[in-house]
């Protein structure tokens, strides 16, 4: 069986190829999100950990006490953890959407190619 290279065949092969690439991208995204879920690496950004802390930080500590600074550090840690989990969820949904959208497109076009051969 020799592949025909008319416009219709090229279209079906090209759409199948693009859909397959999207499925692979979705699968890779899901695997990366799974690995990131198993081995979390939080960003841990905090203005308190900067090399040159803000000048006002000492004034805040004197005025409001060190408890406020510790509460703010904990608040920043919670924000970073929540942002990390939100990012994981977004990546998981993105990977699933790639697969859910591209898989039917791929299956339809790939199954249509042998039927094109039979019709001719």
N, C-alpha and C. Protein backbone atom coordinates (compact mmCIF):
# COMPACT_ATOMS: atom_id res chain seq x y z
N UNK A 1 0.85 -1.18 0.00
CA UNK A 1 0.00 0.00 0.00
C UNK A 1 0.89 1.24 0.00
N UNK A 2 0.67 2.08 -0.96
CA UNK A 2 1.47 3.30 -1.07
C UNK A 2 0.60 4.49 -0.70
N UNK A 3 1.15 5.37 0.13
CA UNK A 3 0.39 6.55 0.57
C UNK A 3 0.22 7.52 -0.60
N UNK A 4 -0.96 8.08 -0.68
CA UNK A 4 -1.23 9.07 -1.71
C UNK A 4 -1.01 10.45 -1.12
N UNK A 5 -0.55 11.35 -1.93
CA UNK A 5 -0.20 12.67 -1.44
C UNK A 5 -1.05 13.76 -2.07
N UNK A 6 -2.33 13.47 -2.26
CA UNK A 6 -3.21 14.54 -2.72
C UNK A 6 -3.59 15.41 -1.51
N UNK A 7 -4.30 16.47 -1.76
CA UNK A 7 -4.60 17.45 -0.72
C UNK A 7 -5.38 16.84 0.45
N UNK A 8 -6.31 15.97 0.16
CA UNK A 8 -7.13 15.37 1.21
C UNK A 8 -6.29 14.48 2.13
N UNK A 9 -5.42 13.67 1.55
CA UNK A 9 -4.55 12.80 2.36
C UNK A 9 -3.58 13.63 3.20
N UNK A 10 -3.00 14.62 2.59
CA UNK A 10 -2.05 15.47 3.33
C UNK A 10 -2.76 16.14 4.50
N UNK A 11 -3.98 16.61 4.28
CA UNK A 11 -4.74 17.25 5.35
C UNK A 11 -4.95 16.28 6.52
N UNK A 12 -5.40 15.07 6.25
CA UNK A 12 -5.67 14.12 7.32
C UNK A 12 -4.40 13.71 8.06
N UNK A 13 -3.31 13.50 7.32
CA UNK A 13 -2.05 13.18 7.98
C UNK A 13 -1.54 14.35 8.83
N UNK A 14 -1.65 15.55 8.32
CA UNK A 14 -1.17 16.72 9.03
C UNK A 14 -1.98 16.97 10.31
N UNK A 15 -3.30 16.88 10.23
CA UNK A 15 -4.13 17.07 11.41
C UNK A 15 -3.87 15.97 12.43
N UNK A 16 -3.70 14.74 11.97
CA UNK A 16 -3.38 13.64 12.88
C UNK A 16 -2.04 13.87 13.58
N UNK A 17 -1.07 14.34 12.84
CA UNK A 17 0.25 14.60 13.41
C UNK A 17 0.17 15.71 14.46
N UNK A 18 -0.50 16.79 14.15
CA UNK A 18 -0.62 17.91 15.09
C UNK A 18 -1.38 17.47 16.34
N UNK A 19 -2.45 16.72 16.18
CA UNK A 19 -3.21 16.24 17.33
C UNK A 19 -2.36 15.30 18.18
N UNK A 20 -1.56 14.45 17.55
CA UNK A 20 -0.68 13.55 18.30
C UNK A 20 0.35 14.35 19.10
N UNK A 21 0.89 15.40 18.52
CA UNK A 21 1.84 16.26 19.24
C UNK A 21 1.15 16.89 20.45
N UNK A 22 -0.09 17.34 20.30
CA UNK A 22 -0.82 17.94 21.42
C UNK A 22 -1.09 16.91 22.52
N UNK A 23 -1.36 15.68 22.15
CA UNK A 23 -1.55 14.62 23.14
C UNK A 23 -0.25 14.38 23.91
N UNK A 24 0.87 14.38 23.20
CA UNK A 24 2.16 14.19 23.86
C UNK A 24 2.46 15.35 24.80
N UNK A 25 2.18 16.57 24.37
CA UNK A 25 2.38 17.74 25.23
C UNK A 25 1.51 17.63 26.49
N UNK A 26 0.27 17.22 26.32
CA UNK A 26 -0.62 17.05 27.47
C UNK A 26 -0.11 15.99 28.43
N UNK A 27 0.38 14.88 27.88
CA UNK A 27 0.91 13.81 28.74
C UNK A 27 2.16 14.26 29.49
N UNK A 28 3.04 14.98 28.81
CA UNK A 28 4.24 15.49 29.46
C UNK A 28 3.87 16.48 30.56
N UNK A 29 2.90 17.33 30.30
CA UNK A 29 2.45 18.30 31.30
C UNK A 29 1.89 17.59 32.52
N UNK A 30 1.11 16.53 32.30
CA UNK A 30 0.57 15.76 33.43
C UNK A 30 1.67 15.08 34.23
N UNK A 31 2.66 14.52 33.56
CA UNK A 31 3.76 13.87 34.26
C UNK A 31 4.56 14.89 35.07
N UNK A 32 4.82 16.05 34.48
CA UNK A 32 5.55 17.09 35.21
C UNK A 32 4.77 17.56 36.43
N UNK A 33 3.46 17.73 36.29
CA UNK A 33 2.63 18.13 37.43
C UNK A 33 2.64 17.05 38.50
N UNK A 34 2.61 15.78 38.09
CA UNK A 34 2.67 14.69 39.06
C UNK A 34 3.99 14.66 39.81
N UNK A 35 5.07 14.86 39.10
CA UNK A 35 6.39 14.89 39.75
C UNK A 35 6.48 16.09 40.70
N UNK A 36 5.96 17.23 40.27
CA UNK A 36 5.98 18.42 41.12
C UNK A 36 5.11 18.23 42.36
N UNK A 37 4.04 17.46 42.22
CA UNK A 37 3.18 17.19 43.38
C UNK A 37 3.89 16.28 44.39
N UNK A 38 4.61 15.29 43.87
CA UNK A 38 5.32 14.35 44.74
C UNK A 38 6.52 15.02 45.41
N UNK A 39 7.23 15.85 44.68
CA UNK A 39 8.42 16.53 45.21
C UNK A 39 8.21 18.03 45.16
N UNK A 40 7.47 18.60 46.10
CA UNK A 40 7.19 20.04 46.05
C UNK A 40 8.45 20.87 46.26
N UNK A 41 8.52 21.96 45.52
CA UNK A 41 9.62 22.92 45.65
C UNK A 41 9.00 24.31 45.71
N UNK A 42 8.67 24.74 46.89
CA UNK A 42 8.01 26.03 47.05
C UNK A 42 8.97 27.16 46.71
N UNK A 43 8.39 28.25 46.23
CA UNK A 43 9.18 29.40 45.81
C UNK A 43 9.85 30.08 47.00
N UNK A 44 9.14 30.14 48.11
CA UNK A 44 9.63 30.74 49.35
C UNK A 44 10.09 32.18 49.18
N UNK A 45 9.43 32.92 48.30
CA UNK A 45 9.76 34.34 48.20
C UNK A 45 9.22 35.06 49.42
N UNK A 46 10.05 35.87 50.01
CA UNK A 46 9.64 36.68 51.15
C UNK A 46 10.50 37.93 51.17
N UNK A 47 9.89 39.08 51.34
CA UNK A 47 10.70 40.30 51.41
C UNK A 47 11.60 40.32 52.64
N UNK A 48 11.33 39.44 53.60
CA UNK A 48 12.13 39.41 54.82
C UNK A 48 13.46 38.70 54.61
N UNK A 49 13.55 37.91 53.55
CA UNK A 49 14.76 37.14 53.30
C UNK A 49 15.66 37.78 52.26
N UNK A 50 15.39 39.01 51.89
CA UNK A 50 16.21 39.70 50.89
C UNK A 50 17.60 39.99 51.47
N UNK A 51 18.62 40.09 50.60
CA UNK A 51 19.97 40.36 51.10
C UNK A 51 20.05 41.68 51.89
N UNK A 52 19.37 42.69 51.41
CA UNK A 52 19.34 43.97 52.13
C UNK A 52 17.90 44.22 52.55
N UNK A 53 17.52 43.82 53.76
CA UNK A 53 16.13 43.98 54.18
C UNK A 53 15.72 45.45 54.15
N UNK A 54 14.44 45.61 54.03
CA UNK A 54 13.91 46.97 53.97
C UNK A 54 14.28 47.73 55.24
N UNK A 55 14.58 49.00 55.07
CA UNK A 55 14.96 49.84 56.21
C UNK A 55 13.81 49.96 57.20
N UNK A 56 12.58 49.94 56.67
CA UNK A 56 11.42 50.11 57.54
C UNK A 56 11.16 48.87 58.40
N UNK A 57 11.78 47.78 58.06
CA UNK A 57 11.53 46.53 58.78
C UNK A 57 11.92 46.66 60.25
N UNK A 58 13.06 47.28 60.50
CA UNK A 58 13.47 47.49 61.89
C UNK A 58 12.51 48.39 62.64
N UNK A 59 12.02 49.41 61.94
CA UNK A 59 11.05 50.31 62.57
C UNK A 59 9.74 49.58 62.87
N UNK A 60 9.30 48.76 61.96
CA UNK A 60 8.08 47.98 62.18
C UNK A 60 8.26 47.05 63.38
N UNK A 61 9.45 46.43 63.44
CA UNK A 61 9.70 45.50 64.54
C UNK A 61 9.72 46.23 65.89
N UNK A 62 10.31 47.42 65.91
CA UNK A 62 10.32 48.19 67.16
C UNK A 62 8.92 48.65 67.54
N UNK A 63 8.14 49.05 66.54
CA UNK A 63 6.83 49.60 66.85
C UNK A 63 5.79 48.53 67.16
N UNK A 64 5.80 47.45 66.39
CA UNK A 64 4.74 46.44 66.54
C UNK A 64 5.23 45.15 67.21
N UNK A 65 6.52 45.00 67.37
CA UNK A 65 7.05 43.81 68.03
C UNK A 65 7.46 42.74 67.05
N UNK A 66 8.30 41.82 67.48
CA UNK A 66 8.77 40.75 66.58
C UNK A 66 7.68 39.75 66.22
N UNK A 67 6.60 39.74 67.00
CA UNK A 67 5.51 38.80 66.67
C UNK A 67 4.89 39.13 65.32
N UNK A 68 4.78 40.43 64.99
CA UNK A 68 4.21 40.83 63.71
C UNK A 68 5.08 40.33 62.56
N UNK A 69 6.39 40.46 62.72
CA UNK A 69 7.30 40.01 61.67
C UNK A 69 7.16 38.50 61.47
N UNK A 70 7.07 37.75 62.54
CA UNK A 70 6.92 36.30 62.43
C UNK A 70 5.58 35.93 61.79
N UNK A 71 4.53 36.67 62.15
CA UNK A 71 3.22 36.43 61.53
C UNK A 71 3.27 36.71 60.04
N UNK A 72 3.96 37.77 59.64
CA UNK A 72 4.07 38.10 58.22
C UNK A 72 4.90 37.06 57.47
N UNK A 73 5.95 36.57 58.11
CA UNK A 73 6.74 35.50 57.47
C UNK A 73 5.88 34.26 57.25
N UNK A 74 5.08 33.92 58.26
CA UNK A 74 4.19 32.76 58.12
C UNK A 74 3.13 33.01 57.05
N UNK A 75 2.65 34.24 56.97
CA UNK A 75 1.65 34.59 55.95
C UNK A 75 2.24 34.46 54.56
N UNK A 76 3.46 34.94 54.37
CA UNK A 76 4.12 34.81 53.07
C UNK A 76 4.35 33.34 52.72
N UNK A 77 4.72 32.53 53.71
CA UNK A 77 4.92 31.10 53.46
C UNK A 77 3.61 30.44 53.03
N UNK A 78 2.50 30.81 53.66
CA UNK A 78 1.18 30.27 53.27
C UNK A 78 0.81 30.71 51.87
N UNK A 79 1.06 31.97 51.55
CA UNK A 79 0.75 32.48 50.21
C UNK A 79 1.56 31.72 49.17
N UNK A 80 2.84 31.51 49.42
CA UNK A 80 3.69 30.77 48.47
C UNK A 80 3.21 29.33 48.30
N UNK A 81 2.83 28.69 49.39
CA UNK A 81 2.35 27.30 49.33
C UNK A 81 1.04 27.24 48.54
N UNK A 82 0.13 28.17 48.79
CA UNK A 82 -1.14 28.20 48.06
C UNK A 82 -0.93 28.48 46.58
N UNK A 83 -0.01 29.39 46.25
CA UNK A 83 0.28 29.67 44.85
C UNK A 83 0.87 28.46 44.15
N UNK A 84 1.71 27.72 44.87
CA UNK A 84 2.31 26.52 44.30
C UNK A 84 1.25 25.48 43.99
N UNK A 85 0.33 25.25 44.93
CA UNK A 85 -0.73 24.26 44.70
C UNK A 85 -1.68 24.72 43.60
N UNK A 86 -1.95 26.00 43.53
CA UNK A 86 -2.80 26.54 42.46
C UNK A 86 -2.12 26.33 41.10
N UNK A 87 -0.82 26.53 41.05
CA UNK A 87 -0.07 26.31 39.82
C UNK A 87 -0.10 24.84 39.41
N UNK A 88 0.04 23.94 40.38
CA UNK A 88 -0.05 22.50 40.08
C UNK A 88 -1.42 22.13 39.52
N UNK A 89 -2.45 22.67 40.12
CA UNK A 89 -3.81 22.40 39.64
C UNK A 89 -4.00 22.92 38.22
N UNK A 90 -3.50 24.11 37.96
CA UNK A 90 -3.61 24.70 36.63
C UNK A 90 -2.86 23.86 35.60
N UNK A 91 -1.67 23.37 35.94
CA UNK A 91 -0.90 22.53 35.03
C UNK A 91 -1.60 21.20 34.77
N UNK A 92 -2.19 20.62 35.81
CA UNK A 92 -2.91 19.36 35.66
C UNK A 92 -4.12 19.54 34.74
N UNK A 93 -4.87 20.58 34.95
CA UNK A 93 -6.04 20.85 34.10
C UNK A 93 -5.59 21.12 32.66
N UNK A 94 -4.51 21.86 32.49
CA UNK A 94 -4.00 22.16 31.14
C UNK A 94 -3.63 20.86 30.41
N UNK A 95 -2.94 19.97 31.11
CA UNK A 95 -2.57 18.70 30.48
C UNK A 95 -3.77 17.86 30.12
N UNK A 96 -4.75 17.80 31.02
CA UNK A 96 -5.98 17.05 30.73
C UNK A 96 -6.74 17.64 29.55
N UNK A 97 -6.81 18.96 29.49
CA UNK A 97 -7.53 19.61 28.38
C UNK A 97 -6.84 19.31 27.06
N UNK A 98 -5.51 19.37 27.03
CA UNK A 98 -4.80 19.02 25.80
C UNK A 98 -5.19 17.62 25.34
N UNK A 99 -5.19 16.67 26.26
CA UNK A 99 -5.50 15.29 25.89
C UNK A 99 -6.96 15.14 25.51
N UNK A 100 -7.87 15.72 26.29
CA UNK A 100 -9.31 15.57 26.03
C UNK A 100 -9.71 16.18 24.70
N UNK A 101 -9.10 17.29 24.34
CA UNK A 101 -9.45 17.94 23.07
C UNK A 101 -8.77 17.25 21.89
N UNK A 102 -7.50 16.91 22.04
CA UNK A 102 -6.75 16.39 20.89
C UNK A 102 -7.03 14.92 20.60
N UNK A 103 -7.35 14.13 21.60
CA UNK A 103 -7.54 12.70 21.38
C UNK A 103 -8.68 12.39 20.40
N UNK A 104 -9.87 12.96 20.55
CA UNK A 104 -10.92 12.67 19.56
C UNK A 104 -10.57 13.16 18.16
N UNK A 105 -9.90 14.30 18.10
CA UNK A 105 -9.49 14.83 16.78
C UNK A 105 -8.53 13.85 16.13
N UNK A 106 -7.56 13.39 16.90
CA UNK A 106 -6.59 12.44 16.37
C UNK A 106 -7.27 11.14 15.92
N UNK A 107 -8.10 10.57 16.79
CA UNK A 107 -8.74 9.30 16.46
C UNK A 107 -9.62 9.40 15.23
N UNK A 108 -10.38 10.49 15.13
CA UNK A 108 -11.25 10.66 13.97
C UNK A 108 -10.44 10.73 12.68
N UNK A 109 -9.43 11.58 12.67
CA UNK A 109 -8.67 11.78 11.44
C UNK A 109 -7.81 10.55 11.10
N UNK A 110 -7.24 9.89 12.11
CA UNK A 110 -6.40 8.73 11.83
C UNK A 110 -7.24 7.55 11.31
N UNK A 111 -8.44 7.40 11.85
CA UNK A 111 -9.31 6.31 11.37
C UNK A 111 -9.90 6.62 10.00
N UNK A 112 -9.94 7.86 9.63
CA UNK A 112 -10.51 8.26 8.34
C UNK A 112 -9.54 7.97 7.19
N UNK A 113 -8.24 7.90 7.47
CA UNK A 113 -7.26 7.72 6.41
C UNK A 113 -7.44 6.39 5.67
N UNK A 114 -7.61 5.25 6.36
CA UNK A 114 -7.83 4.00 5.60
C UNK A 114 -9.13 4.03 4.79
N UNK A 115 -10.13 4.73 5.28
CA UNK A 115 -11.39 4.83 4.54
C UNK A 115 -11.20 5.61 3.26
N UNK A 116 -10.29 6.58 3.27
CA UNK A 116 -10.00 7.32 2.05
C UNK A 116 -9.40 6.41 1.01
N UNK A 117 -8.56 5.48 1.46
CA UNK A 117 -7.94 4.51 0.55
C UNK A 117 -8.99 3.59 -0.07
N UNK A 118 -9.98 3.18 0.75
CA UNK A 118 -11.01 2.28 0.26
C UNK A 118 -11.94 2.95 -0.75
N UNK A 119 -12.17 4.26 -0.54
CA UNK A 119 -13.10 4.99 -1.41
C UNK A 119 -12.53 5.19 -2.81
N UNK A 120 -11.23 5.09 -2.94
CA UNK A 120 -10.64 5.36 -4.27
C UNK A 120 -10.47 4.14 -5.08
